[in-house]
Every structure is written in structure tokens, then in C-alpha cells.
N, C-alpha and C. Protein backbone atom coordinates (compact mmCIF):
# COMPACT_ATOMS: atom_id res chain seq x y z
N MET A 1 74.77 8.69 -88.65
CA MET A 1 74.22 9.96 -88.26
C MET A 1 73.34 9.75 -87.03
N THR A 2 73.63 10.41 -85.97
CA THR A 2 72.86 10.31 -84.75
C THR A 2 71.88 11.47 -84.69
N ILE A 3 70.63 11.13 -84.47
CA ILE A 3 69.59 12.15 -84.39
C ILE A 3 69.20 12.28 -82.93
N THR A 4 69.27 13.50 -82.42
CA THR A 4 68.97 13.75 -81.02
C THR A 4 67.69 14.57 -80.92
N ASN A 5 67.31 14.85 -79.66
CA ASN A 5 66.13 15.68 -79.44
C ASN A 5 66.33 17.08 -79.99
N SER A 6 67.55 17.59 -79.93
CA SER A 6 67.80 18.93 -80.46
C SER A 6 67.56 18.96 -81.97
N TYR A 7 67.77 17.82 -82.61
CA TYR A 7 67.50 17.73 -84.04
C TYR A 7 66.02 17.96 -84.31
N PHE A 8 65.16 17.36 -83.50
CA PHE A 8 63.73 17.53 -83.69
C PHE A 8 63.28 18.94 -83.32
N VAL A 9 63.93 19.56 -82.33
CA VAL A 9 63.62 20.94 -81.99
C VAL A 9 63.96 21.85 -83.17
N SER A 10 65.13 21.64 -83.77
CA SER A 10 65.50 22.46 -84.93
C SER A 10 64.57 22.17 -86.10
N MET A 11 64.12 20.93 -86.22
CA MET A 11 63.18 20.57 -87.27
C MET A 11 61.87 21.33 -87.08
N LEU A 12 61.39 21.40 -85.84
CA LEU A 12 60.16 22.11 -85.54
C LEU A 12 60.32 23.60 -85.81
N TYR A 13 61.47 24.15 -85.46
CA TYR A 13 61.75 25.56 -85.73
C TYR A 13 61.71 25.83 -87.23
N CYS A 14 62.35 24.97 -88.01
CA CYS A 14 62.36 25.13 -89.47
C CYS A 14 60.95 25.04 -90.03
N PHE A 15 60.15 24.16 -89.47
CA PHE A 15 58.77 24.03 -89.93
C PHE A 15 57.99 25.31 -89.66
N ASN A 16 58.18 25.90 -88.47
CA ASN A 16 57.50 27.16 -88.14
C ASN A 16 57.93 28.28 -89.07
N VAL A 17 59.21 28.32 -89.40
CA VAL A 17 59.71 29.33 -90.35
C VAL A 17 59.07 29.11 -91.71
N LEU A 18 58.95 27.85 -92.13
CA LEU A 18 58.34 27.55 -93.42
C LEU A 18 56.87 27.98 -93.46
N VAL A 19 56.16 27.74 -92.37
CA VAL A 19 54.75 28.12 -92.33
C VAL A 19 54.62 29.63 -92.43
N PHE A 20 55.46 30.36 -91.70
CA PHE A 20 55.42 31.82 -91.77
C PHE A 20 55.76 32.30 -93.17
N TRP A 21 56.79 31.72 -93.75
CA TRP A 21 57.25 32.13 -95.08
C TRP A 21 56.19 31.83 -96.13
N CYS A 22 55.59 30.67 -96.04
CA CYS A 22 54.60 30.29 -97.05
C CYS A 22 53.26 30.98 -96.85
N SER A 23 53.02 31.51 -95.65
CA SER A 23 51.77 32.23 -95.45
C SER A 23 51.81 33.60 -96.11
N SER A 24 52.97 34.02 -96.55
CA SER A 24 53.08 35.32 -97.21
C SER A 24 53.05 35.16 -98.73
N ASP A 25 52.03 34.46 -99.23
CA ASP A 25 51.77 34.30 -100.67
C ASP A 25 52.90 33.64 -101.43
N LEU A 26 53.64 32.78 -100.81
CA LEU A 26 54.66 32.02 -101.53
C LEU A 26 54.13 30.62 -101.80
N SER A 27 54.90 29.83 -102.42
CA SER A 27 54.45 28.54 -102.93
C SER A 27 54.05 27.56 -101.83
N TRP A 28 52.80 27.09 -101.88
CA TRP A 28 52.35 26.07 -100.95
C TRP A 28 52.90 24.71 -101.33
N LYS A 29 53.18 24.52 -102.61
CA LYS A 29 53.76 23.25 -103.05
C LYS A 29 55.11 23.02 -102.38
N TRP A 30 55.87 24.08 -102.24
CA TRP A 30 57.17 23.98 -101.59
C TRP A 30 57.02 23.58 -100.13
N LEU A 31 56.01 24.14 -99.47
CA LEU A 31 55.75 23.80 -98.07
C LEU A 31 55.38 22.34 -97.93
N VAL A 32 54.48 21.87 -98.79
CA VAL A 32 54.05 20.47 -98.72
C VAL A 32 55.23 19.54 -98.95
N LYS A 33 56.06 19.87 -99.92
CA LYS A 33 57.25 19.05 -100.20
C LYS A 33 58.19 19.03 -99.00
N SER A 34 58.38 20.18 -98.35
CA SER A 34 59.27 20.25 -97.19
C SER A 34 58.73 19.43 -96.03
N VAL A 35 57.42 19.51 -95.81
CA VAL A 35 56.81 18.74 -94.72
C VAL A 35 56.97 17.25 -94.98
N LYS A 36 56.79 16.82 -96.24
CA LYS A 36 56.97 15.40 -96.57
C LYS A 36 58.40 14.96 -96.32
N ILE A 37 59.36 15.80 -96.65
CA ILE A 37 60.77 15.46 -96.42
C ILE A 37 61.03 15.29 -94.94
N TRP A 38 60.55 16.23 -94.11
CA TRP A 38 60.76 16.12 -92.66
C TRP A 38 60.04 14.91 -92.09
N HIS A 39 58.84 14.64 -92.59
CA HIS A 39 58.09 13.48 -92.11
C HIS A 39 58.83 12.18 -92.43
N ASN A 40 59.38 12.09 -93.63
CA ASN A 40 60.15 10.90 -94.00
C ASN A 40 61.40 10.75 -93.15
N LEU A 41 62.07 11.86 -92.84
CA LEU A 41 63.24 11.79 -91.95
C LEU A 41 62.83 11.29 -90.57
N TYR A 42 61.72 11.78 -90.06
CA TYR A 42 61.22 11.36 -88.76
C TYR A 42 60.90 9.86 -88.77
N MET A 43 60.24 9.40 -89.83
CA MET A 43 59.89 7.99 -89.92
C MET A 43 61.13 7.11 -90.08
N LYS A 44 62.11 7.58 -90.84
CA LYS A 44 63.35 6.80 -90.99
C LYS A 44 64.07 6.67 -89.66
N TYR A 45 64.02 7.74 -88.85
CA TYR A 45 64.63 7.69 -87.52
C TYR A 45 63.95 6.62 -86.67
N HIS A 46 62.63 6.58 -86.70
CA HIS A 46 61.89 5.61 -85.89
C HIS A 46 61.90 4.21 -86.49
N LEU A 47 62.24 4.09 -87.76
CA LEU A 47 62.38 2.78 -88.39
C LEU A 47 63.47 1.97 -87.69
N LYS A 48 64.47 2.66 -87.19
CA LYS A 48 65.56 1.99 -86.48
C LYS A 48 65.10 1.44 -85.12
N LYS A 49 63.94 1.92 -84.62
CA LYS A 49 63.42 1.43 -83.35
C LYS A 49 62.68 0.10 -83.49
N LEU A 50 62.34 -0.26 -84.73
CA LEU A 50 61.69 -1.56 -84.94
C LEU A 50 62.70 -2.67 -84.69
N SER A 51 62.23 -3.85 -84.38
CA SER A 51 63.11 -4.99 -84.11
C SER A 51 64.04 -5.23 -85.31
N PRO A 52 65.33 -5.36 -85.06
CA PRO A 52 66.27 -5.57 -86.17
C PRO A 52 66.07 -6.91 -86.87
N THR A 53 65.43 -7.86 -86.22
CA THR A 53 65.20 -9.16 -86.85
C THR A 53 64.14 -9.09 -87.95
N LEU A 54 63.36 -8.01 -87.99
CA LEU A 54 62.35 -7.87 -89.03
C LEU A 54 62.97 -7.70 -90.41
N PHE A 55 64.10 -7.04 -90.44
CA PHE A 55 64.72 -6.70 -91.72
C PHE A 55 66.11 -7.32 -91.81
N TRP A 56 66.19 -8.60 -91.53
CA TRP A 56 67.48 -9.29 -91.53
C TRP A 56 68.04 -9.43 -92.94
N ASP A 57 67.19 -9.43 -93.95
CA ASP A 57 67.65 -9.66 -95.32
C ASP A 57 67.80 -8.39 -96.15
N VAL A 58 67.39 -7.25 -95.60
CA VAL A 58 67.52 -5.98 -96.31
C VAL A 58 68.16 -4.96 -95.38
N SER A 59 68.70 -3.92 -95.94
CA SER A 59 69.27 -2.85 -95.14
C SER A 59 68.15 -1.89 -94.74
N ALA A 60 68.01 -1.67 -93.45
CA ALA A 60 66.96 -0.76 -92.97
C ALA A 60 67.21 0.66 -93.45
N ASP A 61 68.47 1.01 -93.72
CA ASP A 61 68.78 2.35 -94.21
C ASP A 61 68.24 2.59 -95.61
N ASP A 62 68.07 1.53 -96.39
CA ASP A 62 67.58 1.67 -97.76
C ASP A 62 66.06 1.72 -97.85
N LEU A 63 65.37 1.40 -96.77
CA LEU A 63 63.91 1.41 -96.78
C LEU A 63 63.38 2.83 -96.67
N LYS A 64 62.39 3.13 -97.47
CA LYS A 64 61.70 4.41 -97.40
C LYS A 64 60.31 4.13 -96.85
N PRO A 65 59.98 4.67 -95.68
CA PRO A 65 58.73 4.30 -95.00
C PRO A 65 57.46 4.50 -95.83
N GLN A 66 57.41 5.51 -96.68
CA GLN A 66 56.20 5.71 -97.48
C GLN A 66 56.20 4.79 -98.70
N ARG A 67 57.31 4.69 -99.38
CA ARG A 67 57.38 3.90 -100.60
C ARG A 67 57.30 2.40 -100.31
N HIS A 68 57.89 1.96 -99.20
CA HIS A 68 57.93 0.54 -98.86
C HIS A 68 56.96 0.21 -97.72
N ALA A 69 55.85 0.92 -97.66
CA ALA A 69 54.91 0.74 -96.55
C ALA A 69 54.37 -0.68 -96.48
N ARG A 70 53.97 -1.25 -97.61
CA ARG A 70 53.41 -2.61 -97.58
C ARG A 70 54.43 -3.62 -97.10
N PHE A 71 55.68 -3.45 -97.51
CA PHE A 71 56.73 -4.37 -97.08
C PHE A 71 56.96 -4.27 -95.58
N ILE A 72 57.08 -3.05 -95.07
CA ILE A 72 57.32 -2.84 -93.64
C ILE A 72 56.15 -3.36 -92.82
N ILE A 73 54.94 -3.01 -93.22
CA ILE A 73 53.75 -3.46 -92.48
C ILE A 73 53.64 -4.98 -92.52
N GLY A 74 53.89 -5.57 -93.67
CA GLY A 74 53.82 -7.03 -93.79
C GLY A 74 54.79 -7.73 -92.86
N ARG A 75 56.01 -7.20 -92.77
CA ARG A 75 57.00 -7.80 -91.86
C ARG A 75 56.57 -7.68 -90.41
N VAL A 76 56.04 -6.52 -90.04
CA VAL A 76 55.60 -6.33 -88.65
C VAL A 76 54.42 -7.23 -88.34
N LEU A 77 53.49 -7.36 -89.27
CA LEU A 77 52.32 -8.21 -89.03
C LEU A 77 52.72 -9.67 -88.88
N LYS A 78 53.72 -10.10 -89.62
CA LYS A 78 54.11 -11.51 -89.58
C LYS A 78 55.11 -11.82 -88.46
N PHE A 79 56.12 -10.97 -88.29
CA PHE A 79 57.21 -11.30 -87.37
C PHE A 79 57.35 -10.34 -86.18
N GLY A 80 56.61 -9.24 -86.18
CA GLY A 80 56.81 -8.21 -85.17
C GLY A 80 56.18 -8.53 -83.83
N ASP A 81 56.58 -7.77 -82.83
CA ASP A 81 55.98 -7.89 -81.51
C ASP A 81 55.08 -6.68 -81.27
N ILE A 82 54.56 -6.55 -80.05
CA ILE A 82 53.60 -5.49 -79.76
C ILE A 82 54.23 -4.11 -79.86
N ALA A 83 55.51 -3.97 -79.51
CA ALA A 83 56.18 -2.67 -79.62
C ALA A 83 56.30 -2.24 -81.08
N ASP A 84 56.60 -3.19 -81.95
CA ASP A 84 56.67 -2.88 -83.38
C ASP A 84 55.29 -2.45 -83.91
N TRP A 85 54.26 -3.15 -83.46
CA TRP A 85 52.91 -2.81 -83.88
C TRP A 85 52.54 -1.40 -83.44
N GLN A 86 52.90 -1.04 -82.20
CA GLN A 86 52.58 0.30 -81.71
C GLN A 86 53.28 1.38 -82.53
N ILE A 87 54.50 1.11 -82.96
CA ILE A 87 55.23 2.10 -83.76
C ILE A 87 54.56 2.29 -85.12
N ILE A 88 54.26 1.20 -85.81
CA ILE A 88 53.69 1.38 -87.16
C ILE A 88 52.24 1.85 -87.11
N SER A 89 51.53 1.56 -86.03
CA SER A 89 50.15 2.03 -85.96
C SER A 89 50.09 3.55 -85.78
N ARG A 90 51.18 4.15 -85.31
CA ARG A 90 51.25 5.61 -85.24
C ARG A 90 51.62 6.22 -86.59
N TRP A 91 52.36 5.49 -87.41
CA TRP A 91 52.80 6.00 -88.71
C TRP A 91 51.72 5.96 -89.75
N TYR A 92 51.07 4.81 -89.86
CA TYR A 92 50.16 4.56 -90.97
C TYR A 92 48.72 4.57 -90.48
N ASN A 93 47.83 5.03 -91.34
CA ASN A 93 46.43 5.04 -90.95
C ASN A 93 45.84 3.63 -91.06
N ARG A 94 44.65 3.47 -90.53
CA ARG A 94 44.02 2.15 -90.47
C ARG A 94 43.76 1.58 -91.86
N ARG A 95 43.42 2.43 -92.80
CA ARG A 95 43.16 1.97 -94.16
C ARG A 95 44.41 1.37 -94.79
N THR A 96 45.54 2.02 -94.62
CA THR A 96 46.80 1.52 -95.16
C THR A 96 47.18 0.20 -94.50
N LEU A 97 47.00 0.11 -93.19
CA LEU A 97 47.30 -1.13 -92.47
C LEU A 97 46.40 -2.27 -92.95
N ARG A 98 45.11 -1.97 -93.12
CA ARG A 98 44.16 -2.98 -93.57
C ARG A 98 44.51 -3.48 -94.97
N ARG A 99 44.84 -2.55 -95.85
CA ARG A 99 45.19 -2.92 -97.23
C ARG A 99 46.46 -3.77 -97.26
N ALA A 100 47.46 -3.39 -96.46
CA ALA A 100 48.71 -4.15 -96.44
C ALA A 100 48.48 -5.55 -95.88
N ALA A 101 47.62 -5.67 -94.86
CA ALA A 101 47.32 -6.99 -94.29
C ALA A 101 46.59 -7.86 -95.31
N LYS A 102 45.72 -7.24 -96.09
CA LYS A 102 44.96 -7.99 -97.08
C LYS A 102 45.85 -8.45 -98.24
N LEU A 103 46.83 -7.64 -98.61
CA LEU A 103 47.66 -7.93 -99.78
C LEU A 103 48.98 -8.62 -99.44
N ALA A 104 49.25 -8.83 -98.16
CA ALA A 104 50.51 -9.49 -97.78
C ALA A 104 50.51 -10.93 -98.28
N PRO A 105 51.43 -11.29 -99.18
CA PRO A 105 51.39 -12.62 -99.80
C PRO A 105 51.82 -13.75 -98.86
N ASP A 106 52.70 -13.46 -97.93
CA ASP A 106 53.25 -14.54 -97.11
C ASP A 106 52.61 -14.62 -95.72
N LEU A 107 51.49 -13.96 -95.51
CA LEU A 107 50.80 -14.01 -94.23
C LEU A 107 49.94 -15.27 -94.18
N ASP A 108 50.16 -16.10 -93.17
CA ASP A 108 49.38 -17.35 -93.09
C ASP A 108 47.93 -17.06 -92.69
N LEU A 109 47.08 -18.07 -92.77
CA LEU A 109 45.65 -17.88 -92.55
C LEU A 109 45.32 -17.44 -91.13
N LYS A 110 46.02 -18.00 -90.14
CA LYS A 110 45.75 -17.62 -88.75
C LYS A 110 46.12 -16.16 -88.50
N SER A 111 47.28 -15.75 -89.01
CA SER A 111 47.70 -14.36 -88.84
C SER A 111 46.76 -13.42 -89.57
N ARG A 112 46.36 -13.79 -90.76
CA ARG A 112 45.45 -12.97 -91.54
C ARG A 112 44.11 -12.81 -90.80
N ALA A 113 43.61 -13.89 -90.19
CA ALA A 113 42.36 -13.83 -89.43
C ALA A 113 42.50 -12.93 -88.20
N LEU A 114 43.64 -13.03 -87.53
CA LEU A 114 43.89 -12.18 -86.36
C LEU A 114 43.87 -10.71 -86.75
N TRP A 115 44.60 -10.36 -87.80
CA TRP A 115 44.69 -8.95 -88.19
C TRP A 115 43.38 -8.45 -88.78
N ARG A 116 42.59 -9.33 -89.34
CA ARG A 116 41.27 -8.92 -89.82
C ARG A 116 40.40 -8.51 -88.63
N VAL A 117 40.50 -9.24 -87.52
CA VAL A 117 39.74 -8.90 -86.32
C VAL A 117 40.27 -7.60 -85.71
N VAL A 118 41.59 -7.48 -85.61
CA VAL A 118 42.20 -6.30 -84.99
C VAL A 118 41.91 -5.04 -85.81
N LEU A 119 42.05 -5.14 -87.12
CA LEU A 119 41.90 -3.97 -87.98
C LEU A 119 40.47 -3.75 -88.47
N GLY A 120 39.62 -4.72 -88.26
CA GLY A 120 38.24 -4.59 -88.71
C GLY A 120 38.10 -4.89 -90.19
N LYS A 121 37.46 -5.99 -90.50
CA LYS A 121 37.27 -6.48 -91.88
C LYS A 121 38.60 -6.56 -92.54
């Protein structure tokens, strides 16, 4: 499935329709669920922009950016380059990045010290 810019334009249009529809006393839970679905689609699209060598042992199509956040962040912290770091730093907040760096089991001491300085504590 190829995702183009027109796909994101239609996604934005659908989001605006949802906001209008939900502002008329309809379910906010439905809106939140829809936004999460679109956000996950957006993140899955950008997951393909990460270096393919990061996920040599797993299928990138099977990764869910929210559910597998610690795994993705751990791989980028250990094997990623600056472009990979820039992508995930836009996806995840600093707290999530800090927690993943702290809990990454295979991160060596030098890498852990570097990310502690970069992410703060």
C-alpha cells in the first residue's frame, strides 16, 4: 500500500468532519478512537522511513508504534543514526524516551550514559 500526500489530505479532511460531527453532542469516545487510529497509521507510514537495518530480525509491518514503543526506541538508541533519532523524537515524548532508555536491557554502559546526558537524567 503506497501512501501519498493526497492520503494525508484526505485524512485531514476526515478528521475535520469528525470534529464537526462530534461537536454536535455525539460520542467523544468515538472521536478519540478515530484520532488514535489515524495517528497509528501516520506513525506506521513513518516507521518505514527508519533505517531498515534496525529491524532486520522482525517485520516492520508487524510493529505497532504505540504498543512496541520500547522495542523501537531501544533499537534506535542502540543501532540508529541521527535521522532515526529525529524521527522517533517527534513521535514520542521525552518521558517515554527516557523510560525506554532506562529499561533497554541490551544497551551498553557507554550508550546508556550518552542517552542519559541527551535526555536528561
